[in-house]
C-alpha atoms as a PDB file:
ATOM      1  CA  MET A   1      49.913 101.434  80.220  1.00  0.00           C
ATOM      2  CA  ARG A   2      48.414 103.574  77.439  1.00  0.00           C
ATOM      3  CA  ALA A   3      47.036 102.229  74.191  1.00  0.00           C
ATOM      4  CA  LEU A   4      49.760 102.073  71.441  1.00  0.00           C
ATOM      5  CA  HIS A   5      49.127 103.355  68.050  1.00  0.00           C
ATOM      6  CA  GLN A   6      49.484 101.071  65.133  1.00  0.00           C
ATOM      7  CA  HIS A   7      52.830 102.457  63.993  1.00  0.00           C
ATOM      8  CA  GLU A   8      54.265 101.898  67.265  1.00  0.00           C
ATOM      9  CA  ARG A   9      56.138  98.606  68.531  1.00  0.00           C
ATOM     10  CA  SER A  10      55.417  97.511  72.131  1.00  0.00           C
ATOM     11  CA  SER A  11      58.301  95.126  72.245  1.00  0.00           C
ATOM     12  CA  ARG A  12      60.783  97.928  71.337  1.00  0.00           C
ATOM     13  CA  GLY A  13      60.486 100.433  74.026  1.00  0.00           C
ATOM     14  CA  PHE A  14      63.392 102.594  75.383  1.00  0.00           C
ATOM     15  CA  VAL A  15      63.736 104.908  78.382  1.00  0.00           C
ATOM     16  CA  CYS A  16      63.278 108.502  77.448  1.00  0.00           C
ATOM     17  CA  PRO A  17      66.321 110.334  77.517  1.00  0.00           C
ATOM     18  CA  GLN A  18      64.636 113.406  78.446  1.00  0.00           C
ATOM     19  CA  CYS A  19      62.572 112.736  81.673  1.00  0.00           C
ATOM     20  CA  SER A  20      63.829 109.154  82.339  1.00  0.00           C
ATOM     21  CA  SER A  21      60.394 107.889  83.404  1.00  0.00           C
ATOM     22  CA  GLY A  22      58.553 107.667  80.216  1.00  0.00           C
ATOM     23  CA  ILE A  23      58.885 105.142  77.200  1.00  0.00           C
ATOM     24  CA  VAL A  24      59.838 106.045  73.713  1.00  0.00           C
ATOM     25  CA  PHE A  25      58.479 103.328  71.235  1.00  0.00           C
ATOM     26  CA  ALA A  26      60.160 102.604  67.918  1.00  0.00           C
ATOM     27  CA  ARG A  27      57.974 102.622  64.738  1.00  0.00           C
ATOM     28  CA  PRO A  28      58.176  99.567  62.444  1.00  0.00           C
ATOM     29  CA  THR A  29      59.928 100.482  59.236  1.00  0.00           C
ATOM     30  CA  VAL A  30      58.775  99.149  55.901  1.00  0.00           C
ATOM     31  CA  ARG A  31      60.976  99.362  52.807  1.00  0.00           C
ATOM     32  CA  LYS A  32      59.446 101.259  49.919  1.00  0.00           C
ATOM     33  CA  GLN A  33      58.752  98.977  47.034  1.00  0.00           C
ATOM     34  CA  ASP A  34      60.582  99.609  43.712  1.00  0.00           C
ATOM     35  CA  PRO A  35      60.150  96.289  41.511  1.00  0.00           C
ATOM     36  CA  GLN A  36      61.997  97.615  38.583  1.00  0.00           C
ATOM     37  CA  ARG A  37      65.096  98.667  40.716  1.00  0.00           C
ATOM     38  CA  ASP A  38      64.954  95.539  42.603  1.00  0.00           C
ATOM     39  CA  ASP A  39      64.742  93.357  39.116  1.00  0.00           C
ATOM     40  CA  GLN A  40      67.914  95.308  37.933  1.00  0.00           C
ATOM     41  CA  VAL A  41      69.637  94.311  41.098  1.00  0.00           C
ATOM     42  CA  ILE A  42      68.618  90.674  40.861  1.00  0.00           C
ATOM     43  CA  LEU A  43      69.521  90.489  37.277  1.00  0.00           C
ATOM     44  CA  GLN A  44      73.150  91.768  38.114  1.00  0.00           C
ATOM     45  CA  LEU A  45      73.408  89.049  40.871  1.00  0.00           C
ATOM     46  CA  LEU A  46      72.304  86.500  38.471  1.00  0.00           C
ATOM     47  CA  ALA A  47      74.683  87.562  35.671  1.00  0.00           C
ATOM     48  CA  GLY A  48      77.717  86.783  37.700  1.00  0.00           C
ATOM     49  CA  THR A  49      78.398  89.970  39.640  1.00  0.00           C
ATOM     50  CA  PRO A  50      81.438  89.022  41.802  1.00  0.00           C
ATOM     51  CA  HIS A  51      80.469  88.272  45.475  1.00  0.00           C
ATOM     52  CA  GLN A  52      82.856  91.236  46.795  1.00  0.00           C
ATOM     53  CA  GLU A  53      80.465  93.602  44.997  1.00  0.00           C
ATOM     54  CA  TRP A  54      77.292  92.300  46.363  1.00  0.00           C
ATOM     55  CA  ASP A  55      77.544  94.380  49.504  1.00  0.00           C
ATOM     56  CA  ASP A  56      77.928  97.471  47.437  1.00  0.00           C
ATOM     57  CA  LEU A  57      74.707  96.634  45.574  1.00  0.00           C
ATOM     58  CA  ARG A  58      72.796  95.979  48.698  1.00  0.00           C
ATOM     59  CA  SER A  59      73.960  99.281  50.186  1.00  0.00           C
ATOM     60  CA  GLN A  60      72.784 100.986  47.202  1.00  0.00           C
ATOM     61  CA  LEU A  61      69.475  99.245  47.599  1.00  0.00           C
ATOM     62  CA  ARG A  62      69.162 100.234  51.193  1.00  0.00           C
ATOM     63  CA  ALA A  63      70.274 103.808  50.414  1.00  0.00           C
ATOM     64  CA  ALA A  64      67.656 104.118  47.707  1.00  0.00           C
ATOM     65  CA  ASP A  65      64.782 103.256  50.154  1.00  0.00           C
ATOM     66  CA  ASN A  66      65.449 106.305  52.129  1.00  0.00           C
ATOM     67  CA  LYS A  67      63.722 104.850  55.022  1.00  0.00           C
ATOM     68  CA  PRO A  68      63.630 107.036  58.132  1.00  0.00           C
ATOM     69  CA  SER A  69      65.043 105.834  61.635  1.00  0.00           C
ATOM     70  CA  PRO A  70      62.332 103.893  63.552  1.00  0.00           C
ATOM     71  CA  LEU A  71      62.887 106.475  66.284  1.00  0.00           C
ATOM     72  CA  THR A  72      62.625 109.673  64.180  1.00  0.00           C
ATOM     73  CA  ASP A  73      60.456 112.058  65.955  1.00  0.00           C
ATOM     74  CA  ALA A  74      59.192 109.320  68.395  1.00  0.00           C
ATOM     75  CA  ALA A  75      57.591 110.852  71.386  1.00  0.00           C
ATOM     76  CA  CYS A  76      57.777 110.003  75.056  1.00  0.00           C
ATOM     77  CA  THR A  77      54.617 108.380  76.503  1.00  0.00           C
ATOM     78  CA  ALA A  78      55.043 110.670  79.688  1.00  0.00           C
ATOM     79  CA  CYS A  79      56.743 114.157  78.939  1.00  0.00           C
ATOM     80  CA  ARG A  80      55.946 114.032  75.046  1.00  0.00           C
ATOM     81  CA  HIS A  81      59.467 114.883  74.148  1.00  0.00           C
ATOM     82  CA  SER A  82      60.252 114.081  70.464  1.00  0.00           C
ATOM     83  CA  LEU A  83      63.667 112.391  70.090  1.00  0.00           C
ATOM     84  CA  THR A  84      66.215 114.467  68.308  1.00  0.00           C
ATOM     85  CA  THR A  85      68.603 112.833  65.560  1.00  0.00           C
ATOM     86  CA  ASP A  86      71.381 112.551  67.905  1.00  0.00           C
ATOM     87  CA  GLU A  87      69.120 110.984  70.748  1.00  0.00           C
ATOM     88  CA  ALA A  88      67.736 108.492  68.183  1.00  0.00           C
ATOM     89  CA  ASN A  89      71.168 107.385  66.976  1.00  0.00           C
ATOM     90  CA  GLU A  90      72.332 107.100  70.682  1.00  0.00           C
ATOM     91  CA  ILE A  91      69.483 104.903  71.503  1.00  0.00           C
ATOM     92  CA  MET A  92      69.980 102.687  68.408  1.00  0.00           C
ATOM     93  CA  ALA A  93      73.699 102.445  69.473  1.00  0.00           C
ATOM     94  CA  HIS A  94      72.469 101.148  72.761  1.00  0.00           C
ATOM     95  CA  GLU A  95      70.203  98.627  71.195  1.00  0.00           C
ATOM     96  CA  LYS A  96      73.230  97.365  69.024  1.00  0.00           C
ATOM     97  CA  LYS A  97      75.227  97.002  72.129  1.00  0.00           C
ATOM     98  CA  LEU A  98      72.685  94.944  73.967  1.00  0.00           C
ATOM     99  CA  LYS A  99      72.368  92.713  71.092  1.00  0.00           C
ATOM    100  CA  ARG A 100      76.136  92.087  71.207  1.00  0.00           C
ATOM    101  CA  ILE A 101      75.704  91.364  74.900  1.00  0.00           C
ATOM    102  CA  VAL A 102      73.018  88.903  74.336  1.00  0.00           C
ATOM    103  CA  ARG A 103      75.028  87.151  71.484  1.00  0.00           C
ATOM    104  CA  GLY A 104      77.954  86.878  73.789  1.00  0.00           C
ATOM    105  CA  PHE A 105      76.026  85.429  76.622  1.00  0.00           C
ATOM    106  CA  ALA A 106      74.484  82.785  74.037  1.00  0.00           C
ATOM    107  CA  LYS A 107      78.036  81.584  73.386  1.00  0.00           C
ATOM    108  CA  ARG A 108      79.207  81.340  76.920  1.00  0.00           C
ATOM    109  CA  ARG A 109      79.745  77.938  78.558  1.00  0.00           C
ATOM    110  CA  GLU A 110      80.410  79.317  82.040  1.00  0.00           C
ATOM    111  CA  PRO A 111      78.355  82.105  83.737  1.00  0.00           C
ATOM    112  CA  PRO A 112      79.989  85.561  83.941  1.00  0.00           C
ATOM    113  CA  THR A 113      80.942  87.154  87.035  1.00  0.00           C
ATOM    114  CA  VAL A 114      78.268  88.595  89.502  1.00  0.00           C
ATOM    115  CA  GLU A 115      79.747  91.952  88.766  1.00  0.00           C
ATOM    116  CA  ASP A 116      79.180  91.435  84.919  1.00  0.00           C
ATOM    117  CA  LEU A 117      75.690  90.316  85.482  1.00  0.00           C
ATOM    118  CA  GLU A 118      74.933  93.248  87.773  1.00  0.00           C
ATOM    119  CA  ALA A 119      76.451  95.563  85.132  1.00  0.00           C
ATOM    120  CA  THR A 120      74.089  94.088  82.408  1.00  0.00           C
ATOM    121  CA  ARG A 121      71.256  94.647  84.694  1.00  0.00           C
ATOM    122  CA  SER A 122      71.973  98.264  85.335  1.00  0.00           C
ATOM    123  CA  TYR A 123      72.644  98.937  81.594  1.00  0.00           C
ATOM    124  CA  ILE A 124      69.234  97.445  80.679  1.00  0.00           C
ATOM    125  CA  ASP A 125      67.337  99.409  83.558  1.00  0.00           C
ATOM    126  CA  MET A 126      69.022 102.572  82.356  1.00  0.00           C
ATOM    127  CA  HIS A 127      68.020 102.472  78.616  1.00  0.00           C
ATOM    128  CA  PHE A 128      65.415  99.731  77.948  1.00  0.00           C
ATOM    129  CA  ALA A 129      61.993 100.036  79.383  1.00  0.00           C
ATOM    130  CA  GLN A 130      60.116  97.224  77.183  1.00  0.00           C
ATOM    131  CA  HIS A 131      62.117  95.737  74.715  1.00  0.00           C
ATOM    132  CA  ALA A 132      62.374  92.089  73.476  1.00  0.00           C
ATOM    133  CA  LEU A 133      66.231  92.174  73.692  1.00  0.00           C
ATOM    134  CA  ALA A 134      65.822  93.095  77.374  1.00  0.00           C
ATOM    135  CA  TYR A 135      63.515  90.000  77.797  1.00  0.00           C
ATOM    136  CA  THR A 136      66.146  87.881  76.134  1.00  0.00           C
ATOM    137  CA  ALA A 137      68.724  89.125  78.332  1.00  0.00           C
ATOM    138  CA  TRP A 138      66.658  88.745  81.517  1.00  0.00           C
ATOM    139  CA  ASP A 139      66.075  84.995  80.399  1.00  0.00           C
ATOM    140  CA  GLN A 140      69.911  84.452  80.074  1.00  0.00           C
ATOM    141  CA  LEU A 141      70.647  86.246  83.389  1.00  0.00           C
ATOM    142  CA  ALA A 142      67.956  84.000  85.163  1.00  0.00           C
ATOM    143  CA  GLY A 143      69.871  81.055  84.049  1.00  0.00           C
ATOM    144  CA  PHE A 144      73.150  82.450  85.048  1.00  0.00           C
ATOM    145  CA  TYR A 145      71.738  83.334  88.535  1.00  0.00           C
ATOM    146  CA  ALA A 146      70.523  79.762  88.919  1.00  0.00           C
ATOM    147  CA  THR A 147      73.723  78.331  88.128  1.00  0.00           C
ATOM    148  CA  LEU A 148      75.298  80.437  90.838  1.00  0.00           C
ATOM    149  CA  GLY A 149      72.830  79.854  93.263  1.00  0.00           C
ATOM    150  CA  ARG A 150      71.404  83.420  93.449  1.00  0.00           C
ATOM    151  CA  ASN A 151      67.863  82.191  93.824  1.00  0.00           C
ATOM    152  CA  ALA A 152      66.281  85.815  94.699  1.00  0.00           C
ATOM    153  CA  ASP A 153      68.020  87.288  91.532  1.00  0.00           C
ATOM    154  CA  ARG A 154      66.661  84.613  89.414  1.00  0.00           C
ATOM    155  CA  ALA A 155      63.165  85.303  90.758  1.00  0.00           C
ATOM    156  CA  GLU A 156      63.420  88.880  89.975  1.00  0.00           C
ATOM    157  CA  MET A 157      64.563  88.262  86.430  1.00  0.00           C
ATOM    158  CA  LEU A 158      61.353  86.118  86.009  1.00  0.00           C
ATOM    159  CA  ALA A 159      59.322  88.885  87.602  1.00  0.00           C
ATOM    160  CA  LEU A 160      60.439  91.345  84.773  1.00  0.00           C
ATOM    161  CA  MET A 161      59.865  88.660  82.215  1.00  0.00           C
ATOM    162  CA  CYS A 162      56.366  88.088  83.582  1.00  0.00           C
ATOM    163  CA  ALA A 163      55.678  91.923  83.408  1.00  0.00           C
ATOM    164  CA  PHE A 164      56.973  92.124  79.885  1.00  0.00           C
ATOM    165  CA  SER A 165      54.953  89.235  78.679  1.00  0.00           C
ATOM    166  CA  GLU A 166      51.818  90.668  80.214  1.00  0.00           C
ATOM    167  CA  SER A 167      52.227  94.009  78.584  1.00  0.00           C
ATOM    168  CA  VAL A 168      53.256  93.027  75.157  1.00  0.00           C
ATOM    169  CA  PHE A 169      51.118  89.943  74.823  1.00  0.00           C
ATOM    170  CA  PRO A 170      47.848  90.723  76.812  1.00  0.00           C
ATOM    171  CA  ASP A 171      45.800  87.905  75.296  1.00  0.00           C
ATOM    172  CA  LEU A 172      45.372  84.462  76.837  1.00  0.00           C
ATOM    173  CA  SER A 173      48.559  82.391  76.450  1.00  0.00           C
ATOM    174  CA  ALA A 174      49.900  79.180  77.699  1.00  0.00           C
ATOM    175  CA  GLY A 175      53.384  80.503  77.404  1.00  0.00           C
ATOM    176  CA  HIS A 176      52.475  83.242  79.892  1.00  0.00           C
ATOM    177  CA  GLY A 177      50.924  80.749  82.197  1.00  0.00           C
ATOM    178  CA  ARG A 178      54.063  78.694  82.374  1.00  0.00           C
ATOM    179  CA  LEU A 179      56.096  81.777  82.904  1.00  0.00           C
ATOM    180  CA  LEU A 180      54.010  82.691  85.901  1.00  0.00           C
ATOM    181  CA  GLN A 181      54.441  79.010  87.313  1.00  0.00           C
ATOM    182  CA  ALA A 182      58.291  79.285  86.779  1.00  0.00           C
ATOM    183  CA  TYR A 183      58.182  82.767  88.727  1.00  0.00           C
ATOM    184  CA  GLY A 184      56.222  80.958  91.464  1.00  0.00           C
ATOM    185  CA  ASP A 185      58.473  77.942  91.515  1.00  0.00           C
ATOM    186  CA  ALA A 186      61.500  80.271  91.890  1.00  0.00           C
ATOM    187  CA  VAL A 187      60.002  82.394  94.799  1.00  0.00           C
ATOM    188  CA  SER A 188      58.932  79.094  96.501  1.00  0.00           C
ATOM    189  CA  ARG A 189      62.525  77.930  96.584  1.00  0.00           C
ATOM    190  CA  LEU A 190      63.700  81.130  98.574  1.00  0.00           C
ATOM    191  CA  ASP A 191      64.562  80.685 102.270  1.00  0.00           C
ATOM    192  CA  ALA A 192      63.398  83.158 104.998  1.00  0.00           C
ATOM    193  CA  SER A 193      66.312  85.526 104.649  1.00  0.00           C
ATOM    194  CA  GLU A 194      66.075  85.684 100.880  1.00  0.00           C
ATOM    195  CA  ARG A 195      62.313  86.056 100.978  1.00  0.00           C
ATOM    196  CA  GLU A 196      62.563  89.049 103.313  1.00  0.00           C
ATOM    197  CA  ALA A 197      65.264  90.704 101.369  1.00  0.00           C
ATOM    198  CA  ALA A 198      63.065  90.139  98.208  1.00  0.00           C
ATOM    199  CA  CYS A 199      59.972  91.503  99.862  1.00  0.00           C
ATOM    200  CA  HIS A 200      58.681  93.044  96.573  1.00  0.00           C
ATOM    201  CA  LEU A 201      58.290  89.685  94.828  1.00  0.00           C
ATOM    202  CA  ARG A 202      54.850  88.218  94.498  1.00  0.00           C
ATOM    203  CA  ASN A 203      53.349  85.506  96.698  1.00  0.00           C
ATOM    204  CA  PRO A 204      53.827  82.020  94.724  1.00  0.00           C
ATOM    205  CA  LEU A 205      50.328  81.171  95.735  1.00  0.00           C
ATOM    206  CA  ASP A 206      49.024  84.023  93.883  1.00  0.00           C
ATOM    207  CA  LEU A 207      51.356  83.250  90.796  1.00  0.00           C
ATOM    208  CA  TYR A 208      50.163  79.541  90.872  1.00  0.00           C
ATOM    209  CA  GLY A 209      46.433  80.623  90.980  1.00  0.00           C
ATOM    210  CA  GLU A 210      46.954  83.083  88.292  1.00  0.00           C
ATOM    211  CA  ALA A 211      48.750  80.458  86.066  1.00  0.00           C
ATOM    212  CA  ARG A 212      45.941  77.973  86.974  1.00  0.00           C
ATOM    213  CA  ASP A 213      43.102  80.156  85.744  1.00  0.00           C
ATOM    214  CA  ILE A 214      45.056  80.609  82.254  1.00  0.00           C
ATOM    215  CA  PHE A 215      45.291  76.815  81.818  1.00  0.00           C
ATOM    216  CA  ILE A 216      41.746  76.134  82.757  1.00  0.00           C
ATOM    217  CA  LEU A 217      40.343  78.610  80.177  1.00  0.00           C
ATOM    218  CA  LEU A 218      42.831  77.419  77.544  1.00  0.00           C
ATOM    219  CA  LEU A 219      43.058  73.719  78.144  1.00  0.00           C
ATOM    220  CA  GLY A 220      40.181  72.872  80.495  1.00  0.00           C
ATOM    221  CA  GLU A 221      39.878  71.810  84.317  1.00  0.00           C
ATOM    222  CA  ASP A 222      41.089  68.399  83.622  1.00  0.00           C
ATOM    223  CA  SER A 223      44.449  69.319  82.068  1.00  0.00           C
ATOM    224  CA  GLU A 224      47.664  68.320  83.796  1.00  0.00           C
ATOM    225  CA  GLU A 225      48.697  71.947  84.219  1.00  0.00           C
ATOM    226  CA  ALA A 226      45.498  73.191  85.715  1.00  0.00           C
ATOM    227  CA  TYR A 227      45.564  70.133  88.102  1.00  0.00           C
ATOM    228  CA  ALA A 228      48.980  70.564  89.323  1.00  0.00           C
ATOM    229  CA  LEU A 229      48.408  74.316  89.956  1.00  0.00           C
ATOM    230  CA  SER A 230      45.201  73.931  91.597  1.00  0.00           C
ATOM    231  CA  ARG A 231      46.726  71.682  94.362  1.00  0.00           C
ATOM    232  CA  ALA A 232      49.809  73.896  94.561  1.00  0.00           C
ATOM    233  CA  SER A 233      47.623  77.247  94.998  1.00  0.00           C
ATOM    234  CA  ARG A 234      45.797  75.575  97.829  1.00  0.00           C
ATOM    235  CA  GLN A 235      49.182  74.832  99.875  1.00  0.00           C
ATOM    236  CA  PRO A 236      49.740  76.895 102.830  1.00  0.00           C
ATOM    237  CA  TRP A 237      52.539  79.467 102.509  1.00  0.00           C
ATOM    238  CA  SER A 238      54.310  81.695 105.089  1.00  0.00           C
ATOM    239  CA  SER A 239      56.789  84.294 104.255  1.00  0.00           C
ATOM    240  CA  ASP A 240      58.114  83.881 107.652  1.00  0.00           C
ATOM    241  CA  SER A 241      58.811  80.169 107.581  1.00  0.00           C
ATOM    242  CA  GLY A 242      62.158  78.632 106.178  1.00  0.00           C
ATOM    243  CA  ARG A 243      62.415  75.953 103.694  1.00  0.00           C
ATOM    244  CA  SER A 244      59.409  74.198 105.150  1.00  0.00           C
ATOM    245  CA  ARG A 245      57.676  70.955 104.219  1.00  0.00           C
ATOM    246  CA  ASP A 246      54.843  73.070 102.764  1.00  0.00           C
ATOM    247  CA  ARG A 247      57.204  75.031 100.448  1.00  0.00           C
ATOM    248  CA  GLN A 248      58.578  71.701  99.312  1.00  0.00           C
ATOM    249  CA  GLU A 249      55.056  70.379  98.756  1.00  0.00           C
ATOM    250  CA  ILE A 250      54.120  73.498  96.647  1.00  0.00           C
ATOM    251  CA  HIS A 251      57.252  73.093  94.541  1.00  0.00           C
ATOM    252  CA  SER A 252      56.823  69.357  93.871  1.00  0.00           C
ATOM    253  CA  CYS A 253      53.260  69.732  92.986  1.00  0.00           C
ATOM    254  CA  ALA A 254      53.710  72.482  90.702  1.00  0.00           C
ATOM    255  CA  GLN A 255      56.469  70.299  88.874  1.00  0.00           C
ATOM    256  CA  VAL A 256      54.092  67.668  87.941  1.00  0.00           C
ATOM    257  CA  HIS A 257      54.653  68.736  84.296  1.00  0.00           C
ATOM    258  CA  GLY A 258      58.390  68.630  84.893  1.00  0.00           C
ATOM    259  CA  ALA A 259      61.234  70.859  83.869  1.00  0.00           C
ATOM    260  CA  ARG A 260      59.510  70.781  80.283  1.00  0.00           C
ATOM    261  CA  ALA A 261      57.051  73.591  81.425  1.00  0.00           C
ATOM    262  CA  THR A 262      59.987  75.748  82.728  1.00  0.00           C
ATOM    263  CA  ARG A 263      61.979  75.339  79.418  1.00  0.00           C
ATOM    264  CA  LYS A 264      58.878  76.279  77.397  1.00  0.00           C
ATOM    265  CA  ALA A 265      58.292  79.338  79.635  1.00  0.00           C
ATOM    266  CA  TYR A 266      61.611  80.695  78.303  1.00  0.00           C
ATOM    267  CA  SER A 267      61.179  79.671  74.635  1.00  0.00           C
ATOM    268  CA  GLY A 268      58.514  81.965  73.401  1.00  0.00           C
ATOM    269  CA  PRO A 269      56.558  83.041  71.599  1.00  0.00           C
ATOM    270  CA  TYR A 270      53.761  82.995  74.002  1.00  0.00           C
ATOM    271  CA  SER A 271      51.161  80.822  72.297  1.00  0.00           C
ATOM    272  CA  LEU A 272      50.201  77.136  72.297  1.00  0.00           C
END
């Protein structure tokens, strides 16, 4: 991926509506400072302005900022198309919709139907290229798929989360290492038929080895994480075998750190 300019946010990228292959990154917005105006609003609030009028005051404050949309004139990384106002507004509407979906998932006690999960995946693929909200949704989908016993789908969500983590947080990170480990664990649970259908998923031994290297650099060779993953990455693996003893050994060895490591892989941010 190309280097980003300082005014672009790599964790807020959208599919280009023009070419559908490039990414349009939003710019961070900073409110223009006007201490005198801000002080006047604060004084009005302290003077006992009725609560029902606060929203009006806040709206006036935001309107006075006159800040542009974070997608105004944003250009695609591939075709260099600059978004029109209508396109920017439509993308912002998609972002708000995904935020509502994520909040709705967070309140659910039972997993949605498979059809709803697939619809959410398709919606994200259509509109979001590299976005923090998409990452959160993938995390939620992974949990739902685990509950439903759809192991291959869960592994695919973890693969997307790993790709996002690597792109947005390129520096060494224990969180990314745990995420790679969780991805490896998910693939190692697949049986022969699931593995064949999901042939695009990475080999768990490679994932364990990459995670091990991260933990060695961050925590040292004697750390629990590095030791467990060193053993796991040396275990034999065959994509043609079923749920063999070797696969079970890989899983149990990589789980020395317990479910705690998997939970941390989802919690973010990607740092110690």
